[in-house]
Amino acid sequence: KVIAISDGMGSGSNANQTSSAVISMVEKLLESGFGNSTITKVVNGMVKLKEDASNAATLDMTVINTNKEKIEFVKAGAAPTYVISNFELQEIGEDTLPLGQNININYDSNSVEIKSPMIVVNISDGAYSDELREYFEYISKKNFAFITKKEIISGIIERISENSSDDVTIIVTKIE
């Protein structure tokens, strides 16, 4: 299973077209069997070719491999991903530039072992807030096996700044 979020820089149709093109290219490269490193480099090159800094876009890709019992994360300019398991919280992601900013892409790549039950929360930067980590800390201390994905999403939305005019994407995955 692959989860991917791309957030185009700026606003309007240009940002939407860029992020849609990123996701489309990621899907095609995954279907063709390319690995995460190749996918990131090819998509970065595609965005960079537009030669317009406003065409930059984030990439947040989570690859869940239940056969290998591993989750891989690839991030370029993306908001953190939160992994909750065994009463622990992991924040995945380093500060990196979005796709299209530099021909030699510097992206963050991490992996974690699947420990059931587990919750993985991918968000765009529009959903990020200072209170979010505290919320996930709170969830990690509870028996979250009974918390629904809808409840988690509602909790995230409650913590989004009212002043935020950015678009919001939230994907919650429960692994049981």
Protein backbone atom coordinates (compact mmCIF):
# COMPACT_ATOMS: atom_id res chain seq x y z
CA LYS A 1 0.00 0.00 0.00
CA VAL A 2 1.32 3.45 -0.91
CA ILE A 3 0.12 6.73 0.53
CA ALA A 4 1.27 9.89 -1.25
CA ILE A 5 0.57 13.56 -0.68
CA SER A 6 1.89 16.38 -2.81
CA ASP A 7 1.26 20.03 -2.04
CA GLY A 8 2.04 22.50 -4.81
CA MET A 9 3.66 25.76 -3.76
CA GLY A 10 1.54 28.86 -4.03
CA SER A 11 -2.17 28.69 -4.68
CA GLY A 12 -4.69 28.28 -7.42
CA SER A 13 -4.64 26.18 -10.54
CA ASN A 14 -0.84 26.27 -10.99
CA ALA A 15 -0.22 24.72 -7.57
CA ASN A 16 -3.01 22.20 -8.17
CA GLN A 17 -1.60 21.20 -11.57
CA THR A 18 1.90 20.75 -10.16
CA SER A 19 0.81 18.58 -7.23
CA SER A 20 -1.53 16.54 -9.48
CA ALA A 21 1.32 15.96 -11.94
CA VAL A 22 3.60 14.83 -9.09
CA ILE A 23 1.06 12.27 -7.84
CA SER A 24 0.33 11.04 -11.37
CA MET A 25 4.04 10.54 -12.09
CA VAL A 26 4.60 8.78 -8.75
CA GLU A 27 1.72 6.39 -9.53
CA LYS A 28 3.09 5.59 -13.01
CA LEU A 29 6.62 5.01 -11.73
CA LEU A 30 5.37 2.78 -8.89
CA GLU A 31 3.32 0.74 -11.36
CA SER A 32 6.46 0.35 -13.49
CA GLY A 33 8.34 -1.06 -10.50
CA PHE A 34 10.77 1.77 -9.80
CA GLY A 35 12.18 2.23 -6.29
CA ASN A 36 11.71 5.19 -4.01
CA SER A 37 15.06 6.83 -4.82
CA THR A 38 14.50 6.69 -8.58
CA ILE A 39 10.93 7.91 -8.24
CA THR A 40 12.01 10.90 -6.16
CA LYS A 41 14.81 11.85 -8.58
CA VAL A 42 12.66 11.51 -11.72
CA VAL A 43 9.73 13.46 -10.29
CA ASN A 44 12.09 16.15 -8.98
CA GLY A 45 13.56 16.50 -12.47
CA MET A 46 10.07 16.76 -13.97
CA VAL A 47 9.11 19.58 -11.60
CA LYS A 48 12.50 21.31 -12.03
CA LEU A 49 12.13 21.35 -15.83
CA LYS A 50 9.27 23.82 -15.53
CA GLU A 51 11.93 26.43 -14.57
CA ASP A 52 9.52 28.34 -12.35
CA ALA A 53 10.12 28.40 -8.58
CA SER A 54 6.37 28.61 -8.02
CA ASN A 55 6.08 25.13 -9.57
CA ALA A 56 7.77 23.50 -6.59
CA ALA A 57 5.80 20.83 -4.73
CA THR A 58 6.20 18.70 -1.65
CA LEU A 59 6.28 14.91 -1.75
CA ASP A 60 5.24 12.80 1.21
CA MET A 61 5.25 9.10 0.32
CA THR A 62 4.61 6.26 2.75
CA VAL A 63 5.11 2.70 1.52
CA ILE A 64 3.56 0.03 3.75
CA ASN A 65 5.02 -3.41 3.04
CA THR A 66 3.24 -5.99 5.20
CA ASN A 67 5.30 -8.84 3.69
CA LYS A 68 8.55 -7.27 4.93
CA GLU A 69 6.80 -5.87 8.03
CA LYS A 70 8.23 -2.44 7.24
CA ILE A 71 7.01 1.06 6.47
CA GLU A 72 9.22 3.32 4.35
CA PHE A 73 8.89 7.09 4.32
CA VAL A 74 10.13 9.43 1.58
CA LYS A 75 9.78 13.16 2.22
CA ALA A 76 10.76 16.22 0.22
CA GLY A 77 9.63 19.48 1.80
CA ALA A 78 6.71 17.69 3.47
CA ALA A 79 5.14 18.07 6.90
CA PRO A 80 6.01 15.41 9.48
CA THR A 81 4.34 12.00 9.50
CA TYR A 82 3.34 10.67 12.90
CA VAL A 83 3.61 6.98 13.81
CA ILE A 84 1.90 5.79 16.98
CA SER A 85 2.57 2.29 18.34
CA ASN A 86 3.20 0.54 21.65
CA PHE A 87 2.54 3.73 23.65
CA GLU A 88 5.25 5.53 21.66
CA LEU A 89 5.13 8.41 19.22
CA GLN A 90 7.58 8.84 16.36
CA GLU A 91 7.74 12.01 14.28
CA ILE A 92 9.15 11.20 10.85
CA GLY A 93 10.67 13.91 8.69
CA GLU A 94 13.57 16.31 8.43
CA ASP A 95 13.69 19.77 6.93
CA THR A 96 14.22 19.28 3.22
CA LEU A 97 13.48 21.36 0.17
CA PRO A 98 10.41 20.58 -1.93
CA LEU A 99 10.70 19.00 -5.37
CA GLY A 100 11.83 21.32 -8.13
CA GLN A 101 14.07 23.55 -6.02
CA ASN A 102 17.38 21.89 -6.81
CA ILE A 103 18.41 19.48 -9.56
CA ASN A 104 20.21 17.33 -6.96
CA ILE A 105 17.28 16.51 -4.70
CA ASN A 106 17.99 16.09 -1.01
CA TYR A 107 15.11 14.11 0.45
CA ASP A 108 14.50 12.36 3.76
CA SER A 109 14.18 8.57 3.74
CA ASN A 110 13.37 6.54 6.85
CA SER A 111 11.77 3.24 7.73
CA VAL A 112 10.13 1.69 10.77
CA GLU A 113 9.18 -1.86 11.64
CA ILE A 114 5.46 -2.60 11.67
CA LYS A 115 4.22 -3.22 15.20
CA SER A 116 0.54 -4.02 15.37
CA PRO A 117 -1.53 -2.10 16.29
CA MET A 118 -0.13 1.02 14.71
CA ILE A 119 -1.48 4.34 13.48
CA VAL A 120 0.23 6.33 10.71
CA VAL A 121 -0.89 9.93 10.17
CA ASN A 122 0.16 11.80 7.03
CA ILE A 123 -0.70 15.50 6.84
CA SER A 124 -0.02 18.42 4.56
CA ASP A 125 1.54 21.55 6.01
CA GLY A 126 -1.89 23.19 6.20
CA ALA A 127 -2.83 20.70 8.93
CA TYR A 128 0.35 21.18 10.95
CA SER A 129 0.06 23.04 14.25
CA ASP A 130 2.03 23.29 17.48
CA GLU A 131 -0.73 21.46 19.33
CA LEU A 132 -0.66 18.47 17.00
CA ARG A 133 2.32 16.70 18.54
CA GLU A 134 0.76 17.08 22.01
CA TYR A 135 -2.45 15.54 20.66
CA PHE A 136 -0.56 12.56 19.23
CA GLU A 137 1.36 12.18 22.51
CA TYR A 138 -2.01 12.00 24.26
CA ILE A 139 -3.29 9.34 21.82
CA SER A 140 -0.09 7.30 22.16
CA LYS A 141 -0.62 7.02 25.94
CA LYS A 142 -4.12 5.58 25.49
CA ASN A 143 -5.32 2.22 24.27
CA PHE A 144 -5.77 3.58 20.76
CA ALA A 145 -7.04 0.27 19.38
CA PHE A 146 -10.54 1.61 20.08
CA ILE A 147 -10.00 5.07 18.61
CA THR A 148 -11.48 5.40 15.13
CA LYS A 149 -9.80 7.11 12.20
CA LYS A 150 -12.71 9.57 12.13
CA GLU A 151 -12.04 10.53 15.78
CA ILE A 152 -8.35 11.13 15.00
CA ILE A 153 -9.19 13.30 11.99
CA SER A 154 -11.70 15.29 14.06
CA GLY A 155 -9.03 15.84 16.74
CA ILE A 156 -6.58 17.09 14.11
CA ILE A 157 -9.14 19.47 12.59
CA GLU A 158 -9.91 20.91 16.04
CA ARG A 159 -6.22 21.82 16.40
CA ILE A 160 -5.76 23.49 13.03
CA SER A 161 -5.26 27.21 13.41
CA GLU A 162 -8.33 29.23 12.56
CA ASN A 163 -6.00 31.67 10.81
CA SER A 164 -4.73 29.02 8.40
CA SER A 165 -5.79 29.71 4.84
CA ASP A 166 -3.75 26.81 3.46
CA ASP A 167 -5.36 23.68 2.07
CA VAL A 168 -5.44 20.65 4.35
CA THR A 169 -4.87 16.97 3.61
CA ILE A 170 -5.10 14.33 6.35
CA ILE A 171 -4.67 10.58 5.83
CA VAL A 172 -4.97 8.23 8.79
CA THR A 173 -3.99 4.58 8.41
CA LYS A 174 -4.56 1.97 11.11
CA ILE A 175 -2.55 -1.23 10.95
CA GLU A 176 -3.99 -4.05 13.02
